[in-house]
Amino acid sequence: MRILIVEDNAFNAFCLSSLLEMINKQIKVKVVNDSLSALCYIAQYEVSLIILDGDLGARQDLKCNGPALADLIWLNHPYIPIIAWSDSEEMRTAFSSVFTQHNKEFNDYSCWKKEVKLDLIQQSLPFLMTQNTFNHFDDAQNTENMDNLVMASALAG
């Protein structure tokens, strides 16, 4: 399972990466700190899940924040699950609009506060993967993803 974290704060990215890798050693985490790097990575690799920061250090006049990136990703890759990761109510509202526009569920599993707890991660991964991924991958990839989900679910239980 390959997870892309798009986060401009290195400490936050490190902490979340460590939690994800603690849950399952087979999870491959890639961290990028801006929209362009995220799009380049998605173009090169098959991504199972994306966790997006809200502001990404973007200035107000630039359309390169998390919600804008989620919109662009789903226009080209509607099957990739995305988790909004922000404490900002403004960003959470913007993410909610994008999720609604793309008919995606916006709930505790798909929108995390920055202080994320291990049990929420363990509950979110299986939920998001079954909601989005299996429509896209072939049978071999589905089998591998299901194996990863079983391991993540076992840890959650």
N, C-alpha and C. Protein backbone atom coordinates (compact mmCIF):
# COMPACT_ATOMS: atom_id res chain seq x y z
N MET A 1 0.86 -1.17 0.00
CA MET A 1 0.00 0.00 0.00
C MET A 1 0.91 1.23 0.00
N ARG A 2 0.72 2.09 -0.99
CA ARG A 2 1.53 3.30 -1.12
C ARG A 2 0.68 4.50 -0.72
N ILE A 3 1.14 5.23 0.30
CA ILE A 3 0.42 6.40 0.80
C ILE A 3 1.25 7.65 0.53
N LEU A 4 0.60 8.64 -0.04
CA LEU A 4 1.24 9.93 -0.31
C LEU A 4 0.74 10.94 0.72
N ILE A 5 1.67 11.56 1.44
CA ILE A 5 1.35 12.64 2.37
C ILE A 5 1.80 13.94 1.73
N VAL A 6 0.88 14.88 1.60
CA VAL A 6 1.20 16.20 1.07
C VAL A 6 1.09 17.18 2.24
N GLU A 7 2.23 17.57 2.77
CA GLU A 7 2.29 18.37 3.99
C GLU A 7 3.53 19.25 3.95
N ASP A 8 3.34 20.55 4.18
CA ASP A 8 4.47 21.49 4.12
C ASP A 8 5.25 21.60 5.43
N ASN A 9 4.75 21.00 6.50
CA ASN A 9 5.43 21.03 7.79
C ASN A 9 6.14 19.68 7.98
N ALA A 10 7.47 19.70 7.98
CA ALA A 10 8.26 18.47 8.05
C ALA A 10 7.99 17.67 9.33
N PHE A 11 7.81 18.36 10.44
CA PHE A 11 7.56 17.65 11.70
C PHE A 11 6.22 16.91 11.65
N ASN A 12 5.17 17.59 11.19
CA ASN A 12 3.86 16.93 11.07
C ASN A 12 3.94 15.72 10.15
N ALA A 13 4.62 15.89 9.02
CA ALA A 13 4.76 14.79 8.06
C ALA A 13 5.51 13.61 8.68
N PHE A 14 6.57 13.90 9.42
CA PHE A 14 7.35 12.85 10.06
C PHE A 14 6.50 12.08 11.08
N CYS A 15 5.75 12.81 11.90
CA CYS A 15 4.92 12.17 12.92
C CYS A 15 3.87 11.26 12.30
N LEU A 16 3.18 11.75 11.28
CA LEU A 16 2.15 10.95 10.63
C LEU A 16 2.77 9.75 9.92
N SER A 17 3.88 9.94 9.24
CA SER A 17 4.57 8.83 8.57
C SER A 17 4.92 7.74 9.57
N SER A 18 5.43 8.15 10.71
CA SER A 18 5.83 7.18 11.75
C SER A 18 4.62 6.39 12.24
N LEU A 19 3.50 7.07 12.46
CA LEU A 19 2.29 6.37 12.89
C LEU A 19 1.82 5.37 11.84
N LEU A 20 1.81 5.77 10.59
CA LEU A 20 1.37 4.88 9.52
C LEU A 20 2.27 3.66 9.41
N GLU A 21 3.56 3.87 9.48
CA GLU A 21 4.50 2.75 9.38
C GLU A 21 4.45 1.86 10.61
N MET A 22 4.04 2.41 11.76
CA MET A 22 3.87 1.61 12.96
C MET A 22 2.68 0.66 12.81
N ILE A 23 1.65 1.12 12.13
CA ILE A 23 0.45 0.31 11.92
C ILE A 23 0.75 -0.90 11.06
N ASN A 24 1.50 -0.68 10.00
CA ASN A 24 1.77 -1.76 9.05
C ASN A 24 3.11 -1.51 8.38
N LYS A 25 4.03 -2.43 8.57
CA LYS A 25 5.38 -2.28 8.01
C LYS A 25 5.39 -2.32 6.48
N GLN A 26 4.33 -2.84 5.87
CA GLN A 26 4.27 -2.92 4.41
C GLN A 26 3.79 -1.62 3.76
N ILE A 27 3.33 -0.69 4.57
CA ILE A 27 2.91 0.60 4.04
C ILE A 27 4.15 1.37 3.58
N LYS A 28 4.08 1.87 2.36
CA LYS A 28 5.16 2.71 1.83
C LYS A 28 4.65 4.15 1.85
N VAL A 29 5.33 5.01 2.60
CA VAL A 29 4.91 6.40 2.73
C VAL A 29 5.87 7.29 1.96
N LYS A 30 5.30 8.17 1.15
CA LYS A 30 6.06 9.20 0.45
C LYS A 30 5.53 10.55 0.92
N VAL A 31 6.43 11.43 1.29
CA VAL A 31 6.05 12.77 1.73
C VAL A 31 6.53 13.78 0.70
N VAL A 32 5.63 14.66 0.28
CA VAL A 32 5.99 15.81 -0.55
C VAL A 32 5.41 17.04 0.13
N ASN A 33 5.96 18.22 -0.20
CA ASN A 33 5.51 19.40 0.54
C ASN A 33 4.78 20.44 -0.30
N ASP A 34 4.43 20.09 -1.55
CA ASP A 34 3.68 21.05 -2.37
C ASP A 34 2.85 20.33 -3.43
N SER A 35 1.95 21.08 -4.04
CA SER A 35 1.02 20.53 -5.02
C SER A 35 1.71 19.96 -6.25
N LEU A 36 2.67 20.68 -6.78
CA LEU A 36 3.35 20.23 -7.99
C LEU A 36 4.08 18.91 -7.76
N SER A 37 4.77 18.79 -6.64
CA SER A 37 5.46 17.54 -6.32
C SER A 37 4.46 16.39 -6.17
N ALA A 38 3.31 16.68 -5.58
CA ALA A 38 2.27 15.66 -5.42
C ALA A 38 1.78 15.18 -6.78
N LEU A 39 1.49 16.11 -7.68
CA LEU A 39 1.00 15.74 -9.01
C LEU A 39 2.05 14.94 -9.79
N CYS A 40 3.30 15.32 -9.67
CA CYS A 40 4.38 14.58 -10.34
C CYS A 40 4.48 13.16 -9.80
N TYR A 41 4.37 13.01 -8.49
CA TYR A 41 4.46 11.69 -7.87
C TYR A 41 3.29 10.81 -8.32
N ILE A 42 2.09 11.37 -8.32
CA ILE A 42 0.90 10.61 -8.73
C ILE A 42 1.01 10.18 -10.19
N ALA A 43 1.64 11.00 -11.01
CA ALA A 43 1.82 10.65 -12.43
C ALA A 43 2.79 9.49 -12.60
N GLN A 44 3.70 9.32 -11.67
CA GLN A 44 4.73 8.28 -11.79
C GLN A 44 4.40 6.99 -11.06
N TYR A 45 3.60 7.05 -10.00
CA TYR A 45 3.37 5.89 -9.15
C TYR A 45 1.89 5.66 -8.90
N GLU A 46 1.53 4.41 -8.67
CA GLU A 46 0.18 4.05 -8.27
C GLU A 46 0.05 4.35 -6.78
N VAL A 47 -0.86 5.22 -6.42
CA VAL A 47 -1.04 5.65 -5.03
C VAL A 47 -2.33 5.05 -4.49
N SER A 48 -2.27 4.46 -3.30
CA SER A 48 -3.44 3.86 -2.68
C SER A 48 -4.26 4.86 -1.87
N LEU A 49 -3.60 5.88 -1.34
CA LEU A 49 -4.26 6.85 -0.47
C LEU A 49 -3.44 8.13 -0.44
N ILE A 50 -4.13 9.26 -0.38
CA ILE A 50 -3.45 10.56 -0.26
C ILE A 50 -3.97 11.26 0.99
N ILE A 51 -3.04 11.79 1.78
CA ILE A 51 -3.40 12.58 2.96
C ILE A 51 -2.93 14.00 2.68
N LEU A 52 -3.89 14.94 2.63
CA LEU A 52 -3.61 16.31 2.21
C LEU A 52 -3.73 17.32 3.34
N ASP A 53 -2.69 18.10 3.51
CA ASP A 53 -2.73 19.27 4.39
C ASP A 53 -3.66 20.30 3.75
N GLY A 54 -4.14 21.23 4.55
CA GLY A 54 -5.04 22.26 4.03
C GLY A 54 -4.36 23.37 3.28
N ASP A 55 -3.54 24.15 3.96
CA ASP A 55 -3.01 25.36 3.30
C ASP A 55 -1.76 25.11 2.48
N LEU A 56 -0.96 24.13 2.81
CA LEU A 56 0.27 23.82 2.06
C LEU A 56 1.18 25.04 1.90
N GLY A 57 1.08 25.97 2.83
CA GLY A 57 1.93 27.15 2.76
C GLY A 57 1.59 28.08 1.62
N ALA A 58 0.42 27.90 1.03
CA ALA A 58 0.03 28.69 -0.15
C ALA A 58 -0.41 30.09 0.24
N ARG A 59 -0.08 31.04 -0.61
CA ARG A 59 -0.58 32.40 -0.43
C ARG A 59 -2.05 32.43 -0.86
N GLN A 60 -2.76 33.43 -0.40
CA GLN A 60 -4.19 33.54 -0.69
C GLN A 60 -4.48 33.62 -2.19
N ASP A 61 -3.60 34.24 -2.96
CA ASP A 61 -3.88 34.44 -4.37
C ASP A 61 -3.54 33.22 -5.22
N LEU A 62 -2.95 32.20 -4.63
CA LEU A 62 -2.59 31.00 -5.38
C LEU A 62 -3.62 29.90 -5.13
N LYS A 63 -3.93 29.15 -6.16
CA LYS A 63 -4.88 28.04 -6.04
C LYS A 63 -4.11 26.73 -5.89
N CYS A 64 -3.23 26.67 -4.90
CA CYS A 64 -2.46 25.43 -4.73
C CYS A 64 -2.58 24.91 -3.30
N ASN A 65 -3.73 25.16 -2.66
CA ASN A 65 -3.95 24.62 -1.33
C ASN A 65 -4.51 23.20 -1.42
N GLY A 66 -4.71 22.58 -0.27
CA GLY A 66 -5.20 21.21 -0.23
C GLY A 66 -6.53 20.97 -0.94
N PRO A 67 -7.56 21.78 -0.66
CA PRO A 67 -8.82 21.57 -1.36
C PRO A 67 -8.71 21.70 -2.88
N ALA A 68 -7.95 22.67 -3.36
CA ALA A 68 -7.77 22.83 -4.81
C ALA A 68 -7.04 21.62 -5.39
N LEU A 69 -6.05 21.11 -4.66
CA LEU A 69 -5.32 19.93 -5.12
C LEU A 69 -6.22 18.70 -5.12
N ALA A 70 -7.05 18.54 -4.09
CA ALA A 70 -7.99 17.41 -4.06
C ALA A 70 -8.91 17.45 -5.27
N ASP A 71 -9.42 18.62 -5.59
CA ASP A 71 -10.28 18.78 -6.76
C ASP A 71 -9.56 18.35 -8.04
N LEU A 72 -8.36 18.82 -8.23
CA LEU A 72 -7.58 18.47 -9.42
C LEU A 72 -7.27 16.97 -9.47
N ILE A 73 -6.90 16.40 -8.35
CA ILE A 73 -6.60 14.96 -8.32
C ILE A 73 -7.83 14.17 -8.71
N TRP A 74 -8.99 14.49 -8.13
CA TRP A 74 -10.19 13.72 -8.41
C TRP A 74 -10.72 13.93 -9.82
N LEU A 75 -10.39 15.03 -10.46
CA LEU A 75 -10.77 15.20 -11.87
C LEU A 75 -10.05 14.18 -12.74
N ASN A 76 -8.82 13.83 -12.37
CA ASN A 76 -8.01 12.90 -13.16
C ASN A 76 -7.93 11.50 -12.58
N HIS A 77 -8.12 11.36 -11.28
CA HIS A 77 -8.01 10.07 -10.59
C HIS A 77 -9.14 9.94 -9.57
N PRO A 78 -10.37 9.78 -10.00
CA PRO A 78 -11.50 9.80 -9.06
C PRO A 78 -11.53 8.61 -8.09
N TYR A 79 -10.73 7.60 -8.34
CA TYR A 79 -10.72 6.40 -7.51
C TYR A 79 -9.78 6.49 -6.31
N ILE A 80 -8.89 7.49 -6.27
CA ILE A 80 -7.92 7.57 -5.18
C ILE A 80 -8.58 8.20 -3.95
N PRO A 81 -8.60 7.47 -2.82
CA PRO A 81 -9.16 8.08 -1.61
C PRO A 81 -8.24 9.18 -1.08
N ILE A 82 -8.85 10.23 -0.56
CA ILE A 82 -8.12 11.37 -0.01
C ILE A 82 -8.61 11.63 1.41
N ILE A 83 -7.66 11.90 2.29
CA ILE A 83 -7.98 12.34 3.65
C ILE A 83 -7.57 13.80 3.77
N ALA A 84 -8.52 14.64 4.15
CA ALA A 84 -8.21 16.05 4.45
C ALA A 84 -7.61 16.08 5.85
N TRP A 85 -6.51 16.82 6.00
CA TRP A 85 -5.79 16.82 7.28
C TRP A 85 -5.53 18.26 7.70
N SER A 86 -6.45 18.81 8.50
CA SER A 86 -6.34 20.23 8.86
C SER A 86 -7.12 20.53 10.13
N ASP A 87 -6.60 21.48 10.91
CA ASP A 87 -7.32 21.99 12.07
C ASP A 87 -8.11 23.25 11.73
N SER A 88 -7.85 23.83 10.58
CA SER A 88 -8.50 25.08 10.18
C SER A 88 -9.94 24.82 9.74
N GLU A 89 -10.88 25.49 10.40
CA GLU A 89 -12.29 25.35 10.02
C GLU A 89 -12.52 25.82 8.59
N GLU A 90 -11.82 26.87 8.19
CA GLU A 90 -11.94 27.37 6.82
C GLU A 90 -11.51 26.30 5.81
N MET A 91 -10.40 25.64 6.08
CA MET A 91 -9.92 24.59 5.17
C MET A 91 -10.85 23.38 5.20
N ARG A 92 -11.34 23.02 6.38
CA ARG A 92 -12.24 21.87 6.48
C ARG A 92 -13.53 22.13 5.70
N THR A 93 -14.01 23.37 5.75
CA THR A 93 -15.19 23.74 4.97
C THR A 93 -14.90 23.67 3.48
N ALA A 94 -13.73 24.16 3.07
CA ALA A 94 -13.35 24.10 1.66
C ALA A 94 -13.19 22.65 1.20
N PHE A 95 -12.58 21.82 2.03
CA PHE A 95 -12.46 20.39 1.69
C PHE A 95 -13.84 19.76 1.57
N SER A 96 -14.74 20.09 2.49
CA SER A 96 -16.09 19.54 2.47
C SER A 96 -16.78 19.84 1.15
N SER A 97 -16.62 21.06 0.65
CA SER A 97 -17.23 21.44 -0.63
C SER A 97 -16.67 20.60 -1.78
N VAL A 98 -15.36 20.39 -1.76
CA VAL A 98 -14.73 19.60 -2.83
C VAL A 98 -15.18 18.14 -2.74
N PHE A 99 -15.23 17.59 -1.54
CA PHE A 99 -15.67 16.21 -1.38
C PHE A 99 -17.11 16.06 -1.90
N THR A 100 -17.98 16.99 -1.54
CA THR A 100 -19.37 16.95 -1.99
C THR A 100 -19.46 17.05 -3.50
N GLN A 101 -18.69 17.94 -4.08
CA GLN A 101 -18.67 18.12 -5.54
C GLN A 101 -18.31 16.82 -6.26
N HIS A 102 -17.45 16.01 -5.65
CA HIS A 102 -17.00 14.77 -6.28
C HIS A 102 -17.72 13.54 -5.71
N ASN A 103 -18.82 13.77 -5.00
CA ASN A 103 -19.63 12.68 -4.43
C ASN A 103 -18.81 11.75 -3.53
N LYS A 104 -17.96 12.34 -2.71
CA LYS A 104 -17.15 11.58 -1.76
C LYS A 104 -17.67 11.83 -0.36
N GLU A 105 -17.59 10.81 0.48
CA GLU A 105 -18.01 10.98 1.87
C GLU A 105 -17.03 11.87 2.61
N PHE A 106 -17.58 12.78 3.39
CA PHE A 106 -16.76 13.67 4.22
C PHE A 106 -17.17 13.44 5.66
N ASN A 107 -16.33 12.71 6.39
CA ASN A 107 -16.65 12.32 7.76
C ASN A 107 -15.36 12.21 8.57
N ASP A 108 -15.45 11.62 9.75
CA ASP A 108 -14.27 11.50 10.61
C ASP A 108 -13.18 10.63 9.99
N TYR A 109 -13.54 9.73 9.11
CA TYR A 109 -12.54 8.88 8.45
C TYR A 109 -11.81 9.62 7.33
N SER A 110 -12.48 10.56 6.71
CA SER A 110 -11.89 11.25 5.56
C SER A 110 -11.43 12.67 5.87
N CYS A 111 -11.61 13.11 7.11
CA CYS A 111 -11.14 14.43 7.52
C CYS A 111 -10.57 14.32 8.94
N TRP A 112 -9.26 14.45 9.02
CA TRP A 112 -8.58 14.32 10.31
C TRP A 112 -8.12 15.68 10.81
N LYS A 113 -8.16 15.84 12.14
CA LYS A 113 -7.50 16.99 12.76
C LYS A 113 -6.01 16.67 12.80
N LYS A 114 -5.19 17.69 12.98
CA LYS A 114 -3.73 17.48 12.98
C LYS A 114 -3.29 16.54 14.09
N GLU A 115 -3.93 16.61 15.24
CA GLU A 115 -3.59 15.69 16.33
C GLU A 115 -4.36 14.39 16.12
N VAL A 116 -3.86 13.59 15.21
CA VAL A 116 -4.55 12.35 14.85
C VAL A 116 -4.13 11.23 15.80
N LYS A 117 -5.08 10.42 16.16
CA LYS A 117 -4.83 9.32 17.09
C LYS A 117 -4.68 8.01 16.30
N LEU A 118 -3.88 7.12 16.85
CA LEU A 118 -3.57 5.86 16.20
C LEU A 118 -4.83 5.06 15.88
N ASP A 119 -5.80 5.03 16.80
CA ASP A 119 -7.01 4.24 16.54
C ASP A 119 -7.83 4.81 15.39
N LEU A 120 -7.82 6.12 15.20
CA LEU A 120 -8.54 6.70 14.06
C LEU A 120 -7.88 6.28 12.74
N ILE A 121 -6.57 6.27 12.71
CA ILE A 121 -5.87 5.81 11.51
C ILE A 121 -6.23 4.36 11.23
N GLN A 122 -6.21 3.52 12.25
CA GLN A 122 -6.51 2.10 12.07
C GLN A 122 -7.94 1.87 11.60
N GLN A 123 -8.86 2.72 12.00
CA GLN A 123 -10.25 2.60 11.56
C GLN A 123 -10.45 3.19 10.17
N SER A 124 -9.74 4.25 9.86
CA SER A 124 -9.93 4.96 8.59
C SER A 124 -9.41 4.20 7.39
N LEU A 125 -8.24 3.58 7.52
CA LEU A 125 -7.62 2.93 6.36
C LEU A 125 -8.52 1.88 5.73
N PRO A 126 -9.04 0.91 6.48
CA PRO A 126 -9.92 -0.08 5.84
C PRO A 126 -11.18 0.55 5.25
N PHE A 127 -11.76 1.52 5.95
CA PHE A 127 -12.97 2.18 5.46
C PHE A 127 -12.72 2.86 4.12
N LEU A 128 -11.67 3.66 4.03
CA LEU A 128 -11.39 4.40 2.80
C LEU A 128 -10.99 3.49 1.66
N MET A 129 -10.22 2.47 1.96
CA MET A 129 -9.77 1.57 0.89
C MET A 129 -10.95 0.81 0.29
N THR A 130 -11.88 0.35 1.12
CA THR A 130 -13.02 -0.38 0.57
C THR A 130 -13.98 0.55 -0.14
N GLN A 131 -14.03 1.82 0.24
CA GLN A 131 -14.92 2.78 -0.41
C GLN A 131 -14.47 3.13 -1.82
N ASN A 132 -13.17 3.17 -2.07
CA ASN A 132 -12.67 3.75 -3.30
C ASN A 132 -11.80 2.86 -4.17
N THR A 133 -10.91 2.11 -3.59
CA THR A 133 -9.84 1.50 -4.35
C THR A 133 -10.27 0.33 -5.21
N PHE A 134 -11.12 -0.53 -4.71
CA PHE A 134 -11.34 -1.80 -5.39
C PHE A 134 -12.06 -1.67 -6.72
N ASN A 135 -12.59 -0.54 -7.03
CA ASN A 135 -13.20 -0.33 -8.34
C ASN A 135 -12.16 -0.15 -9.42
N HIS A 136 -10.93 0.17 -9.04
CA HIS A 136 -9.91 0.57 -10.00
C HIS A 136 -8.89 -0.52 -10.30
N PHE A 137 -8.46 -1.26 -9.29
CA PHE A 137 -7.34 -2.17 -9.47
C PHE A 137 -7.78 -3.49 -10.08
N ASP A 138 -6.82 -4.20 -10.68
CA ASP A 138 -7.09 -5.53 -11.21
C ASP A 138 -7.13 -6.53 -10.05
N ASP A 139 -7.44 -7.81 -10.35
CA ASP A 139 -7.62 -8.80 -9.30
C ASP A 139 -6.37 -9.00 -8.45
N ALA A 140 -5.18 -9.02 -9.06
CA ALA A 140 -3.94 -9.21 -8.30
C ALA A 140 -3.73 -8.05 -7.33
N GLN A 141 -3.98 -6.83 -7.79
CA GLN A 141 -3.82 -5.67 -6.91
C GLN A 141 -4.88 -5.67 -5.82
N ASN A 142 -6.11 -6.08 -6.17
CA ASN A 142 -7.16 -6.15 -5.17
C ASN A 142 -6.80 -7.15 -4.07
N THR A 143 -6.22 -8.29 -4.46
CA THR A 143 -5.81 -9.29 -3.49
C THR A 143 -4.75 -8.72 -2.55
N GLU A 144 -3.75 -8.03 -3.10
CA GLU A 144 -2.71 -7.42 -2.27
C GLU A 144 -3.30 -6.36 -1.35
N ASN A 145 -4.18 -5.53 -1.89
CA ASN A 145 -4.81 -4.49 -1.07
C ASN A 145 -5.67 -5.10 0.03
N MET A 146 -6.39 -6.17 -0.29
CA MET A 146 -7.22 -6.81 0.73
C MET A 146 -6.35 -7.42 1.82
N ASP A 147 -5.22 -8.01 1.45
CA ASP A 147 -4.29 -8.53 2.47
C ASP A 147 -3.84 -7.41 3.40
N ASN A 148 -3.52 -6.26 2.83
CA ASN A 148 -3.11 -5.11 3.65
C ASN A 148 -4.25 -4.65 4.55
N LEU A 149 -5.47 -4.67 4.02
CA LEU A 149 -6.63 -4.26 4.82
C LEU A 149 -6.87 -5.21 5.97
N VAL A 150 -6.71 -6.50 5.72
CA VAL A 150 -6.90 -7.48 6.78
C VAL A 150 -5.91 -7.23 7.90
N MET A 151 -4.65 -6.95 7.54
CA MET A 151 -3.64 -6.67 8.57
C MET A 151 -3.98 -5.38 9.32
N ALA A 152 -4.41 -4.35 8.61
CA ALA A 152 -4.77 -3.09 9.27
C ALA A 152 -5.99 -3.28 10.16
N SER A 153 -6.97 -4.06 9.70
CA SER A 153 -8.17 -4.31 10.49
C SER A 153 -7.84 -5.10 11.74
N ALA A 154 -6.93 -6.07 11.61
CA ALA A 154 -6.54 -6.87 12.76
C ALA A 154 -5.89 -5.98 13.82
N LEU A 155 -5.11 -5.04 13.38
CA LEU A 155 -4.48 -4.11 14.32
C LEU A 155 -5.52 -3.20 14.97
N ALA A 156 -6.56 -2.84 14.21
CA ALA A 156 -7.60 -1.96 14.73
C ALA A 156 -8.46 -2.67 15.77
N GLY A 157 -8.60 -3.99 15.62
CA GLY A 157 -9.46 -4.76 16.51
C GLY A 157 -8.78 -5.07 17.75
